[in-house]
Amino acid sequence: MNSWKDLALSVIEGKELSDEEAFSILQSPDDELLELLHGAYLIRKHYFGNQVKLNMIINTKSGLCPENCGYCSQSIVSNAPIEKYRMVDKETILKGAENAHQLNVGTYCIVASGRGPSNREIDHVVSAVREIKQRYHLKVCACLGILKGDQAKRLKEAGVDRYNHNINTSKNHHENITTSHTYDDRVSTVEQAKAQGISPCSGIIVGMKETLQDVVDMALTLKELDADSIPVNFLHAIDGTPLEGTNELDPRYCLKVLCLMRFINPTKEIRISGGREVNLRSLQPLGLYPANSIFVGDYLTTAGQEGTRDHQMLKDLGFEVDFIKEESVPSQSY
């Protein structure tokens, strides 16, 4: 194989990676890591320049989930000591949007635990989204679980820009992670969102005892799904979950996974998501050479890095925050 730079330039020209090339990224020697990151950055820069998209989550409903996902502290099989509560009131959701707006976040993510939303919960989210859209120049992403009936249509009409439903792992590995819903259930929800004109967001969790083949399959599945946004989570094994004690990842491998996602999905938003702080550790800034998006603030049941540190990291890298600009507000760049 030629250099990582040559491979990157061929991807920009429209080449799709072979299985051999995909595996070579994950298995690349550590002493080639900077060259690999440079190749991934060439692709990222071609499509996104030095801009970074900021996303923020609000966990509107915590725990109380009947699903048996092995990674999740909110599932029925988890004994993790997390806070549990029903859907928060609209004012709390609106306050979160105000906070996101003040931090120049581009996408505000409304997340709720559970298999899927009830129609009453959809009513609640729809009401909040309509008001958010009236007040702020924010993109809104909903992550409410498996959709049914006309729920996706109602979310679209309310102003939801994006719907997140992660595939999480490969089809082959799915039953090792959860059996309370199928892999096809997840794919179907992504397709429902797309059918209503909602931008599809779907991603993965790495570090759940999957094989390299599983990781490659995940990247290819997301390409086939044409997911616009791909959150890449790195397992933060929480005590009390079935995957408690799992610790397969190191920062260099995490960077190689991000590079793989960029090479296979060159035009898509690749977002470094849950677990970046505990798995990338001191190498976090390098992740933004293949990726062009991060979460700021906390995740669902685990703490993230302080937003001020994230902004300082972007400033130190010389990257620009990509956010929806109001005419009366001057653009901010680092």
C-alpha atoms as a PDB file:
ATOM      1  CA  MET A   1       0.000   0.000   0.000  1.00  0.00           C
ATOM      2  CA  ASN A   2       1.141   3.551  -0.689  1.00  0.00           C
ATOM      3  CA  SER A   3       1.404   6.177   2.028  1.00  0.00           C
ATOM      4  CA  TRP A   4      -1.523   7.273   4.187  1.00  0.00           C
ATOM      5  CA  LYS A   5      -1.356  10.607   2.385  1.00  0.00           C
ATOM      6  CA  ASP A   6      -1.756   8.911  -0.976  1.00  0.00           C
ATOM      7  CA  LEU A   7      -4.694   6.876   0.326  1.00  0.00           C
ATOM      8  CA  ALA A   8      -6.320  10.035   1.684  1.00  0.00           C
ATOM      9  CA  LEU A   9      -5.938  11.870  -1.617  1.00  0.00           C
ATOM     10  CA  SER A  10      -7.488   8.928  -3.437  1.00  0.00           C
ATOM     11  CA  VAL A  11     -10.456   9.010  -1.035  1.00  0.00           C
ATOM     12  CA  ILE A  12     -10.921  12.714  -1.791  1.00  0.00           C
ATOM     13  CA  GLU A  13     -10.993  11.770  -5.464  1.00  0.00           C
ATOM     14  CA  GLY A  14     -13.805   9.299  -4.778  1.00  0.00           C
ATOM     15  CA  LYS A  15     -12.092   6.011  -3.974  1.00  0.00           C
ATOM     16  CA  GLU A  16     -13.780   3.665  -1.509  1.00  0.00           C
ATOM     17  CA  LEU A  17     -11.567   1.700   0.867  1.00  0.00           C
ATOM     18  CA  SER A  18     -11.105  -2.010   0.387  1.00  0.00           C
ATOM     19  CA  ASP A  19     -11.475  -4.317   3.386  1.00  0.00           C
ATOM     20  CA  GLU A  20      -7.702  -4.765   3.391  1.00  0.00           C
ATOM     21  CA  GLU A  21      -7.144  -1.000   3.558  1.00  0.00           C
ATOM     22  CA  ALA A  22      -9.730  -0.613   6.321  1.00  0.00           C
ATOM     23  CA  PHE A  23      -8.051  -3.297   8.421  1.00  0.00           C
ATOM     24  CA  SER A  24      -4.657  -1.748   7.767  1.00  0.00           C
ATOM     25  CA  ILE A  25      -5.805   1.466   9.440  1.00  0.00           C
ATOM     26  CA  LEU A  26      -6.884  -0.304  12.631  1.00  0.00           C
ATOM     27  CA  GLN A  27      -3.745  -2.453  12.642  1.00  0.00           C
ATOM     28  CA  SER A  28      -1.314   0.279  11.650  1.00  0.00           C
ATOM     29  CA  PRO A  29       1.908   0.503  13.683  1.00  0.00           C
ATOM     30  CA  ASP A  30       1.947   3.151  16.377  1.00  0.00           C
ATOM     31  CA  ASP A  31       5.007   4.755  14.794  1.00  0.00           C
ATOM     32  CA  GLU A  32       2.847   5.571  11.751  1.00  0.00           C
ATOM     33  CA  LEU A  33       0.102   7.204  13.800  1.00  0.00           C
ATOM     34  CA  LEU A  34       1.045  10.795  13.016  1.00  0.00           C
ATOM     35  CA  GLU A  35       1.173  10.010   9.298  1.00  0.00           C
ATOM     36  CA  LEU A  36      -2.223   8.304   9.523  1.00  0.00           C
ATOM     37  CA  LEU A  37      -3.697  11.298  11.367  1.00  0.00           C
ATOM     38  CA  HIS A  38      -2.262  13.602   8.715  1.00  0.00           C
ATOM     39  CA  GLY A  39      -3.978  11.554   6.013  1.00  0.00           C
ATOM     40  CA  ALA A  40      -7.299  11.688   7.871  1.00  0.00           C
ATOM     41  CA  TYR A  41      -6.850  15.428   8.406  1.00  0.00           C
ATOM     42  CA  LEU A  42      -6.392  16.012   4.672  1.00  0.00           C
ATOM     43  CA  ILE A  43      -9.832  14.489   4.101  1.00  0.00           C
ATOM     44  CA  ARG A  44     -11.372  16.383   7.006  1.00  0.00           C
ATOM     45  CA  LYS A  45      -9.838  19.675   5.868  1.00  0.00           C
ATOM     46  CA  HIS A  46     -11.032  19.161   2.297  1.00  0.00           C
ATOM     47  CA  TYR A  47     -14.671  18.912   3.386  1.00  0.00           C
ATOM     48  CA  PHE A  48     -14.788  20.901   6.643  1.00  0.00           C
ATOM     49  CA  GLY A  49     -11.703  23.095   6.802  1.00  0.00           C
ATOM     50  CA  ASN A  50     -10.720  23.797  10.414  1.00  0.00           C
ATOM     51  CA  GLN A  51     -14.274  24.123  11.681  1.00  0.00           C
ATOM     52  CA  VAL A  52     -15.546  22.143  14.672  1.00  0.00           C
ATOM     53  CA  LYS A  53     -19.218  21.566  15.386  1.00  0.00           C
ATOM     54  CA  LEU A  54     -20.267  21.733  19.042  1.00  0.00           C
ATOM     55  CA  ASN A  55     -23.087  19.598  20.421  1.00  0.00           C
ATOM     56  CA  MET A  56     -24.682  19.572  23.859  1.00  0.00           C
ATOM     57  CA  ILE A  57     -26.922  16.957  25.516  1.00  0.00           C
ATOM     58  CA  ILE A  58     -29.770  17.319  27.954  1.00  0.00           C
ATOM     59  CA  ASN A  59     -30.850  14.077  29.609  1.00  0.00           C
ATOM     60  CA  THR A  60     -34.582  14.711  29.899  1.00  0.00           C
ATOM     61  CA  LYS A  61     -35.469  11.291  31.303  1.00  0.00           C
ATOM     62  CA  SER A  62     -32.989   9.160  33.205  1.00  0.00           C
ATOM     63  CA  GLY A  63     -33.004   5.450  34.035  1.00  0.00           C
ATOM     64  CA  LEU A  64     -36.258   3.497  34.224  1.00  0.00           C
ATOM     65  CA  CYS A  65     -35.456   1.794  30.910  1.00  0.00           C
ATOM     66  CA  PRO A  66     -36.810  -1.735  30.194  1.00  0.00           C
ATOM     67  CA  GLU A  67     -34.051  -2.528  27.678  1.00  0.00           C
ATOM     68  CA  ASN A  68     -31.086  -4.762  28.584  1.00  0.00           C
ATOM     69  CA  CYS A  69     -28.217  -2.961  26.807  1.00  0.00           C
ATOM     70  CA  GLY A  70     -25.038  -4.169  28.480  1.00  0.00           C
ATOM     71  CA  TYR A  71     -23.170  -0.863  28.273  1.00  0.00           C
ATOM     72  CA  CYS A  72     -25.911   1.341  29.709  1.00  0.00           C
ATOM     73  CA  SER A  73     -26.254   2.467  33.316  1.00  0.00           C
ATOM     74  CA  GLN A  74     -29.908   3.315  32.656  1.00  0.00           C
ATOM     75  CA  SER A  75     -30.970  -0.196  31.586  1.00  0.00           C
ATOM     76  CA  ILE A  76     -33.053  -2.651  33.574  1.00  0.00           C
ATOM     77  CA  VAL A  77     -30.017  -4.914  34.042  1.00  0.00           C
ATOM     78  CA  SER A  78     -27.871  -2.145  35.540  1.00  0.00           C
ATOM     79  CA  ASN A  79     -27.230  -1.703  39.252  1.00  0.00           C
ATOM     80  CA  ALA A  80     -25.329   1.543  38.753  1.00  0.00           C
ATOM     81  CA  PRO A  81     -26.255   4.212  41.330  1.00  0.00           C
ATOM     82  CA  ILE A  82     -27.543   6.810  38.883  1.00  0.00           C
ATOM     83  CA  GLU A  83     -30.179   9.472  39.278  1.00  0.00           C
ATOM     84  CA  LYS A  84     -33.566   8.307  37.964  1.00  0.00           C
ATOM     85  CA  TYR A  85     -36.399  10.599  36.958  1.00  0.00           C
ATOM     86  CA  ARG A  86     -39.342  10.943  34.594  1.00  0.00           C
ATOM     87  CA  MET A  87     -39.420  13.460  31.756  1.00  0.00           C
ATOM     88  CA  VAL A  88     -38.318  16.881  33.005  1.00  0.00           C
ATOM     89  CA  ASP A  89     -40.577  19.891  32.594  1.00  0.00           C
ATOM     90  CA  LYS A  90     -40.466  22.143  29.547  1.00  0.00           C
ATOM     91  CA  GLU A  91     -38.752  24.989  31.376  1.00  0.00           C
ATOM     92  CA  THR A  92     -35.801  22.712  32.165  1.00  0.00           C
ATOM     93  CA  ILE A  93     -35.478  21.791  28.485  1.00  0.00           C
ATOM     94  CA  LEU A  94     -35.673  25.460  27.514  1.00  0.00           C
ATOM     95  CA  LYS A  95     -33.052  26.397  30.110  1.00  0.00           C
ATOM     96  CA  GLY A  96     -30.717  23.823  28.599  1.00  0.00           C
ATOM     97  CA  ALA A  97     -31.254  25.364  25.179  1.00  0.00           C
ATOM     98  CA  GLU A  98     -30.416  28.797  26.575  1.00  0.00           C
ATOM     99  CA  ASN A  99     -27.195  27.402  28.018  1.00  0.00           C
ATOM    100  CA  ALA A 100     -26.308  25.804  24.673  1.00  0.00           C
ATOM    101  CA  HIS A 101     -26.994  29.086  22.878  1.00  0.00           C
ATOM    102  CA  GLN A 102     -24.742  31.014  25.263  1.00  0.00           C
ATOM    103  CA  LEU A 103     -21.888  28.557  24.654  1.00  0.00           C
ATOM    104  CA  ASN A 104     -22.183  28.915  20.854  1.00  0.00           C
ATOM    105  CA  VAL A 105     -23.281  25.297  20.556  1.00  0.00           C
ATOM    106  CA  GLY A 106     -24.680  24.475  17.136  1.00  0.00           C
ATOM    107  CA  THR A 107     -26.802  21.431  17.967  1.00  0.00           C
ATOM    108  CA  TYR A 108     -28.850  20.874  21.110  1.00  0.00           C
ATOM    109  CA  CYS A 109     -29.643  17.216  21.744  1.00  0.00           C
ATOM    110  CA  ILE A 110     -32.813  16.275  23.621  1.00  0.00           C
ATOM    111  CA  VAL A 111     -32.303  12.751  24.934  1.00  0.00           C
ATOM    112  CA  ALA A 112     -34.626  10.443  26.875  1.00  0.00           C
ATOM    113  CA  SER A 113     -34.102   6.923  28.163  1.00  0.00           C
ATOM    114  CA  GLY A 114     -36.472   4.095  27.320  1.00  0.00           C
ATOM    115  CA  ARG A 115     -37.326   1.763  24.469  1.00  0.00           C
ATOM    116  CA  GLY A 116     -39.188   4.552  22.712  1.00  0.00           C
ATOM    117  CA  PRO A 117     -41.333   7.598  23.414  1.00  0.00           C
ATOM    118  CA  SER A 118     -45.005   7.549  24.316  1.00  0.00           C
ATOM    119  CA  ASN A 119     -47.256   9.887  22.365  1.00  0.00           C
ATOM    120  CA  ARG A 120     -47.526  12.027  25.502  1.00  0.00           C
ATOM    121  CA  GLU A 121     -43.732  12.352  25.614  1.00  0.00           C
ATOM    122  CA  ILE A 122     -43.725  13.268  21.930  1.00  0.00           C
ATOM    123  CA  ASP A 123     -46.284  16.000  22.724  1.00  0.00           C
ATOM    124  CA  HIS A 124     -43.966  17.313  25.445  1.00  0.00           C
ATOM    125  CA  VAL A 125     -40.880  17.347  23.209  1.00  0.00           C
ATOM    126  CA  VAL A 126     -42.808  18.902  20.313  1.00  0.00           C
ATOM    127  CA  SER A 127     -43.986  21.752  22.547  1.00  0.00           C
ATOM    128  CA  ALA A 128     -40.453  22.405  23.818  1.00  0.00           C
ATOM    129  CA  VAL A 129     -38.896  22.264  20.342  1.00  0.00           C
ATOM    130  CA  ARG A 130     -41.375  24.745  18.914  1.00  0.00           C
ATOM    131  CA  GLU A 131     -40.447  27.242  21.630  1.00  0.00           C
ATOM    132  CA  ILE A 132     -36.718  26.619  21.264  1.00  0.00           C
ATOM    133  CA  LYS A 133     -36.961  27.365  17.556  1.00  0.00           C
ATOM    134  CA  GLN A 134     -38.763  30.626  18.294  1.00  0.00           C
ATOM    135  CA  ARG A 135     -36.106  31.760  20.762  1.00  0.00           C
ATOM    136  CA  TYR A 136     -32.742  30.521  19.490  1.00  0.00           C
ATOM    137  CA  HIS A 137     -30.762  29.833  16.340  1.00  0.00           C
ATOM    138  CA  LEU A 138     -30.084  26.235  17.299  1.00  0.00           C
ATOM    139  CA  LYS A 139     -30.300  22.957  15.476  1.00  0.00           C
ATOM    140  CA  VAL A 140     -32.283  20.471  17.534  1.00  0.00           C
ATOM    141  CA  CYS A 141     -31.513  16.761  17.646  1.00  0.00           C
ATOM    142  CA  ALA A 142     -33.914  14.337  19.320  1.00  0.00           C
ATOM    143  CA  CYS A 143     -32.812  10.977  20.709  1.00  0.00           C
ATOM    144  CA  LEU A 144     -35.865   9.283  22.134  1.00  0.00           C
ATOM    145  CA  GLY A 145     -35.468   5.633  21.183  1.00  0.00           C
ATOM    146  CA  ILE A 146     -37.379   3.498  18.692  1.00  0.00           C
ATOM    147  CA  LEU A 147     -40.032   5.494  16.868  1.00  0.00           C
ATOM    148  CA  LYS A 148     -43.453   4.234  15.872  1.00  0.00           C
ATOM    149  CA  GLY A 149     -46.369   5.428  13.764  1.00  0.00           C
ATOM    150  CA  ASP A 150     -46.228   9.067  12.766  1.00  0.00           C
ATOM    151  CA  GLN A 151     -43.908  10.158  15.588  1.00  0.00           C
ATOM    152  CA  ALA A 152     -41.056  11.047  13.221  1.00  0.00           C
ATOM    153  CA  LYS A 153     -43.441  13.174  11.149  1.00  0.00           C
ATOM    154  CA  ARG A 154     -44.588  15.090  14.235  1.00  0.00           C
ATOM    155  CA  LEU A 155     -41.001  15.750  15.305  1.00  0.00           C
ATOM    156  CA  LYS A 156     -40.158  17.042  11.841  1.00  0.00           C
ATOM    157  CA  GLU A 157     -43.175  19.361  11.798  1.00  0.00           C
ATOM    158  CA  ALA A 158     -42.144  20.761  15.196  1.00  0.00           C
ATOM    159  CA  GLY A 159     -38.731  21.722  13.866  1.00  0.00           C
ATOM    160  CA  VAL A 160     -36.496  18.807  14.863  1.00  0.00           C
ATOM    161  CA  ASP A 161     -33.504  18.935  12.515  1.00  0.00           C
ATOM    162  CA  ARG A 162     -31.849  15.652  13.390  1.00  0.00           C
ATOM    163  CA  TYR A 163     -32.743  12.324  14.964  1.00  0.00           C
ATOM    164  CA  ASN A 164     -30.140  10.194  16.701  1.00  0.00           C
ATOM    165  CA  HIS A 165     -30.423   6.457  17.020  1.00  0.00           C
ATOM    166  CA  ASN A 166     -27.092   4.683  17.227  1.00  0.00           C
ATOM    167  CA  ILE A 167     -26.451   1.263  15.750  1.00  0.00           C
ATOM    168  CA  ASN A 168     -23.917   0.996  18.626  1.00  0.00           C
ATOM    169  CA  THR A 169     -22.262  -2.169  17.334  1.00  0.00           C
ATOM    170  CA  SER A 170     -22.221  -4.482  14.337  1.00  0.00           C
ATOM    171  CA  LYS A 171     -25.132  -6.680  13.333  1.00  0.00           C
ATOM    172  CA  ASN A 172     -23.001  -9.731  14.115  1.00  0.00           C
ATOM    173  CA  HIS A 173     -22.172  -8.530  17.651  1.00  0.00           C
ATOM    174  CA  HIS A 174     -25.570  -7.023  18.500  1.00  0.00           C
ATOM    175  CA  GLU A 175     -26.997  -9.973  20.449  1.00  0.00           C
ATOM    176  CA  ASN A 176     -23.899 -10.016  22.668  1.00  0.00           C
ATOM    177  CA  ILE A 177     -24.806  -6.478  23.771  1.00  0.00           C
ATOM    178  CA  THR A 178     -28.618  -6.526  23.915  1.00  0.00           C
ATOM    179  CA  THR A 179     -31.474  -8.916  23.178  1.00  0.00           C
ATOM    180  CA  SER A 180     -34.474  -6.750  24.084  1.00  0.00           C
ATOM    181  CA  HIS A 181     -34.590  -5.248  20.610  1.00  0.00           C
ATOM    182  CA  THR A 182     -33.083  -6.207  17.276  1.00  0.00           C
ATOM    183  CA  TYR A 183     -30.447  -4.602  15.146  1.00  0.00           C
ATOM    184  CA  ASP A 184     -33.089  -4.089  12.477  1.00  0.00           C
ATOM    185  CA  ASP A 185     -35.212  -2.139  14.998  1.00  0.00           C
ATOM    186  CA  ARG A 186     -32.407   0.397  15.214  1.00  0.00           C
ATOM    187  CA  VAL A 187     -31.868   0.618  11.469  1.00  0.00           C
ATOM    188  CA  SER A 188     -35.622   1.003  10.919  1.00  0.00           C
ATOM    189  CA  THR A 189     -35.784   4.029  13.229  1.00  0.00           C
ATOM    190  CA  VAL A 190     -32.947   5.727  11.346  1.00  0.00           C
ATOM    191  CA  GLU A 191     -34.781   5.054   8.085  1.00  0.00           C
ATOM    192  CA  GLN A 192     -38.053   6.441   9.502  1.00  0.00           C
ATOM    193  CA  ALA A 193     -36.333   9.687  10.394  1.00  0.00           C
ATOM    194  CA  LYS A 194     -34.792   9.921   6.934  1.00  0.00           C
ATOM    195  CA  ALA A 195     -38.157   9.268   5.288  1.00  0.00           C
ATOM    196  CA  GLN A 196     -39.567  12.345   7.039  1.00  0.00           C
ATOM    197  CA  GLY A 197     -36.696  14.557   5.928  1.00  0.00           C
ATOM    198  CA  ILE A 198     -34.940  14.555   9.307  1.00  0.00           C
ATOM    199  CA  SER A 199     -31.160  14.419   9.149  1.00  0.00           C
ATOM    200  CA  PRO A 200     -30.053  10.961  10.360  1.00  0.00           C
ATOM    201  CA  CYS A 201     -27.527  10.696  13.179  1.00  0.00           C
ATOM    202  CA  SER A 202     -26.238   7.243  14.037  1.00  0.00           C
ATOM    203  CA  GLY A 203     -23.042   6.107  15.661  1.00  0.00           C
ATOM    204  CA  ILE A 204     -21.138   3.446  17.512  1.00  0.00           C
ATOM    205  CA  ILE A 205     -19.610   2.407  20.805  1.00  0.00           C
ATOM    206  CA  VAL A 206     -16.110   0.958  20.585  1.00  0.00           C
ATOM    207  CA  GLY A 207     -14.564  -1.194  23.294  1.00  0.00           C
ATOM    208  CA  MET A 208     -17.412  -3.661  23.926  1.00  0.00           C
ATOM    209  CA  LYS A 209     -15.394  -6.803  23.130  1.00  0.00           C
ATOM    210  CA  GLU A 210     -16.063  -6.480  19.424  1.00  0.00           C
ATOM    211  CA  THR A 211     -13.601  -7.658  16.762  1.00  0.00           C
ATOM    212  CA  LEU A 212     -11.778  -5.537  14.213  1.00  0.00           C
ATOM    213  CA  GLN A 213     -14.189  -6.925  11.633  1.00  0.00           C
ATOM    214  CA  ASP A 214     -17.076  -5.606  13.724  1.00  0.00           C
ATOM    215  CA  VAL A 215     -15.541  -2.123  13.730  1.00  0.00           C
ATOM    216  CA  VAL A 216     -15.070  -2.169   9.967  1.00  0.00           C
ATOM    217  CA  ASP A 217     -18.630  -3.447   9.513  1.00  0.00           C
ATOM    218  CA  MET A 218     -19.962  -0.595  11.679  1.00  0.00           C
ATOM    219  CA  ALA A 219     -18.191   2.010   9.557  1.00  0.00           C
ATOM    220  CA  LEU A 220     -19.515   0.453   6.353  1.00  0.00           C
ATOM    221  CA  THR A 221     -23.061   0.158   7.721  1.00  0.00           C
ATOM    222  CA  LEU A 222     -23.099   3.858   8.582  1.00  0.00           C
ATOM    223  CA  LYS A 223     -21.899   4.625   5.079  1.00  0.00           C
ATOM    224  CA  GLU A 224     -24.748   2.535   3.682  1.00  0.00           C
ATOM    225  CA  LEU A 225     -27.257   4.247   5.989  1.00  0.00           C
ATOM    226  CA  ASP A 226     -25.906   7.583   4.779  1.00  0.00           C
ATOM    227  CA  ALA A 227     -25.836   8.945   8.328  1.00  0.00           C
ATOM    228  CA  ASP A 228     -25.078  12.662   8.225  1.00  0.00           C
ATOM    229  CA  SER A 229     -23.632  12.677  11.734  1.00  0.00           C
ATOM    230  CA  ILE A 230     -21.647   9.817  13.267  1.00  0.00           C
ATOM    231  CA  PRO A 231     -20.982   9.946  17.009  1.00  0.00           C
ATOM    232  CA  VAL A 232     -18.074   7.718  17.969  1.00  0.00           C
ATOM    233  CA  ASN A 233     -18.333   6.663  21.611  1.00  0.00           C
ATOM    234  CA  PHE A 234     -15.560   4.890  23.490  1.00  0.00           C
ATOM    235  CA  LEU A 235     -16.832   2.603  26.216  1.00  0.00           C
ATOM    236  CA  HIS A 236     -16.685   4.128  29.669  1.00  0.00           C
ATOM    237  CA  ALA A 237     -17.459   0.931  31.561  1.00  0.00           C
ATOM    238  CA  ILE A 238     -19.680   1.862  34.485  1.00  0.00           C
ATOM    239  CA  ASP A 239     -19.741  -0.199  37.668  1.00  0.00           C
ATOM    240  CA  GLY A 240     -23.024  -2.036  37.969  1.00  0.00           C
ATOM    241  CA  THR A 241     -23.458  -2.667  34.234  1.00  0.00           C
ATOM    242  CA  PRO A 242     -22.818  -6.040  32.532  1.00  0.00           C
ATOM    243  CA  LEU A 243     -19.705  -4.580  30.897  1.00  0.00           C
ATOM    244  CA  GLU A 244     -18.285  -3.430  34.224  1.00  0.00           C
ATOM    245  CA  GLY A 245     -14.497  -3.781  34.286  1.00  0.00           C
ATOM    246  CA  THR A 246     -14.105  -3.914  30.496  1.00  0.00           C
ATOM    247  CA  ASN A 247     -10.987  -1.983  29.569  1.00  0.00           C
ATOM    248  CA  GLU A 248      -9.866  -2.835  26.059  1.00  0.00           C
ATOM    249  CA  LEU A 249      -8.991   0.579  24.699  1.00  0.00           C
ATOM    250  CA  ASP A 250      -5.898   2.722  24.565  1.00  0.00           C
ATOM    251  CA  PRO A 251      -5.666   6.275  23.169  1.00  0.00           C
ATOM    252  CA  ARG A 252      -3.743   5.284  20.051  1.00  0.00           C
ATOM    253  CA  TYR A 253      -6.313   2.680  19.009  1.00  0.00           C
ATOM    254  CA  CYS A 254      -9.126   5.174  19.611  1.00  0.00           C
ATOM    255  CA  LEU A 255      -7.425   7.588  17.222  1.00  0.00           C
ATOM    256  CA  LYS A 256      -7.134   4.834  14.609  1.00  0.00           C
ATOM    257  CA  VAL A 257     -10.884   4.166  14.906  1.00  0.00           C
ATOM    258  CA  LEU A 258     -11.597   7.858  14.306  1.00  0.00           C
ATOM    259  CA  CYS A 259      -9.312   7.776  11.271  1.00  0.00           C
ATOM    260  CA  LEU A 260     -11.132   4.725   9.918  1.00  0.00           C
ATOM    261  CA  MET A 261     -14.467   6.524  10.255  1.00  0.00           C
ATOM    262  CA  ARG A 262     -13.091   9.537   8.370  1.00  0.00           C
ATOM    263  CA  PHE A 263     -11.592   7.445   5.555  1.00  0.00           C
ATOM    264  CA  ILE A 264     -14.816   5.446   5.071  1.00  0.00           C
ATOM    265  CA  ASN A 265     -17.236   8.345   5.627  1.00  0.00           C
ATOM    266  CA  PRO A 266     -15.212  11.261   4.259  1.00  0.00           C
ATOM    267  CA  THR A 267     -18.037  13.810   3.857  1.00  0.00           C
ATOM    268  CA  LYS A 268     -19.806  13.175   7.161  1.00  0.00           C
ATOM    269  CA  GLU A 269     -19.724  14.821  10.572  1.00  0.00           C
ATOM    270  CA  ILE A 270     -17.577  12.559  12.748  1.00  0.00           C
ATOM    271  CA  ARG A 271     -18.173  13.407  16.402  1.00  0.00           C
ATOM    272  CA  ILE A 272     -15.950  12.378  19.300  1.00  0.00           C
ATOM    273  CA  SER A 273     -18.533  11.472  21.902  1.00  0.00           C
ATOM    274  CA  GLY A 274     -18.922   9.625  25.200  1.00  0.00           C
ATOM    275  CA  GLY A 275     -15.779   8.283  26.817  1.00  0.00           C
ATOM    276  CA  ARG A 276     -13.344  10.581  25.044  1.00  0.00           C
ATOM    277  CA  GLU A 277     -11.975  11.996  28.277  1.00  0.00           C
ATOM    278  CA  VAL A 278     -11.242   8.622  29.913  1.00  0.00           C
ATOM    279  CA  ASN A 279     -10.048   6.844  26.751  1.00  0.00           C
ATOM    280  CA  LEU A 280      -8.228   9.472  24.674  1.00  0.00           C
ATOM    281  CA  ARG A 281      -6.893  11.163  27.810  1.00  0.00           C
ATOM    282  CA  SER A 282      -3.969  13.441  26.950  1.00  0.00           C
ATOM    283  CA  LEU A 283      -4.358  12.682  23.237  1.00  0.00           C
ATOM    284  CA  GLN A 284      -7.824  14.261  23.023  1.00  0.00           C
ATOM    285  CA  PRO A 285      -6.693  17.174  20.814  1.00  0.00           C
ATOM    286  CA  LEU A 286      -5.343  14.761  18.183  1.00  0.00           C
ATOM    287  CA  GLY A 287      -8.845  13.329  17.778  1.00  0.00           C
ATOM    288  CA  LEU A 288      -9.938  16.536  16.063  1.00  0.00           C
ATOM    289  CA  TYR A 289      -7.636  15.901  13.127  1.00  0.00           C
ATOM    290  CA  PRO A 290      -9.923  13.115  11.835  1.00  0.00           C
ATOM    291  CA  ALA A 291     -13.102  14.265  13.648  1.00  0.00           C
ATOM    292  CA  ASN A 292     -14.859  17.601  13.168  1.00  0.00           C
ATOM    293  CA  SER A 293     -17.339  17.580  16.040  1.00  0.00           C
ATOM    294  CA  ILE A 294     -17.433  17.092  19.812  1.00  0.00           C
ATOM    295  CA  PHE A 295     -19.892  17.110  22.678  1.00  0.00           C
ATOM    296  CA  VAL A 296     -19.373  19.814  25.262  1.00  0.00           C
ATOM    297  CA  GLY A 297     -20.622  19.465  28.811  1.00  0.00           C
ATOM    298  CA  ASP A 298     -21.785  16.253  30.444  1.00  0.00           C
ATOM    299  CA  TYR A 299     -23.095  13.079  28.835  1.00  0.00           C
ATOM    300  CA  LEU A 300     -26.119  11.087  29.958  1.00  0.00           C
ATOM    301  CA  THR A 301     -24.923   9.714  33.304  1.00  0.00           C
ATOM    302  CA  THR A 302     -21.203  10.541  33.193  1.00  0.00           C
ATOM    303  CA  ALA A 303     -19.397  13.863  33.449  1.00  0.00           C
ATOM    304  CA  GLY A 304     -17.638  15.421  30.490  1.00  0.00           C
ATOM    305  CA  GLN A 305     -14.772  17.857  30.328  1.00  0.00           C
ATOM    306  CA  GLU A 306     -15.489  21.431  31.409  1.00  0.00           C
ATOM    307  CA  GLY A 307     -16.720  23.522  28.498  1.00  0.00           C
ATOM    308  CA  THR A 308     -14.045  26.144  29.098  1.00  0.00           C
ATOM    309  CA  ARG A 309     -11.365  23.481  28.645  1.00  0.00           C
ATOM    310  CA  ASP A 310     -12.957  22.336  25.401  1.00  0.00           C
ATOM    311  CA  HIS A 311     -12.981  25.887  24.079  1.00  0.00           C
ATOM    312  CA  GLN A 312      -9.352  26.331  25.120  1.00  0.00           C
ATOM    313  CA  MET A 313      -8.444  23.084  23.347  1.00  0.00           C
ATOM    314  CA  LEU A 314     -10.006  24.368  20.122  1.00  0.00           C
ATOM    315  CA  LYS A 315      -8.229  27.693  20.497  1.00  0.00           C
ATOM    316  CA  ASP A 316      -4.882  25.967  21.036  1.00  0.00           C
ATOM    317  CA  LEU A 317      -5.456  23.845  17.913  1.00  0.00           C
ATOM    318  CA  GLY A 318      -6.277  26.900  15.822  1.00  0.00           C
ATOM    319  CA  PHE A 319      -9.744  25.542  14.972  1.00  0.00           C
ATOM    320  CA  GLU A 320     -12.935  27.552  14.488  1.00  0.00           C
ATOM    321  CA  VAL A 321     -16.282  26.918  16.171  1.00  0.00           C
ATOM    322  CA  ASP A 322     -18.949  26.248  13.552  1.00  0.00           C
ATOM    323  CA  PHE A 323     -22.303  27.454  14.832  1.00  0.00           C
ATOM    324  CA  ILE A 324     -25.507  28.998  13.530  1.00  0.00           C
ATOM    325  CA  LYS A 325     -24.892  32.724  13.312  1.00  0.00           C
ATOM    326  CA  GLU A 326     -27.475  35.372  14.029  1.00  0.00           C
ATOM    327  CA  GLU A 327     -27.273  38.517  11.935  1.00  0.00           C
ATOM    328  CA  SER A 328     -26.920  40.667  15.055  1.00  0.00           C
ATOM    329  CA  VAL A 329     -24.179  38.561  16.598  1.00  0.00           C
ATOM    330  CA  PRO A 330     -20.645  38.710  15.197  1.00  0.00           C
ATOM    331  CA  SER A 331     -19.066  35.388  14.331  1.00  0.00           C
ATOM    332  CA  GLN A 332     -16.639  33.900  16.796  1.00  0.00           C
ATOM    333  CA  SER A 333     -13.482  32.161  15.704  1.00  0.00           C
ATOM    334  CA  TYR A 334     -10.385  30.912  17.393  1.00  0.00           C
END
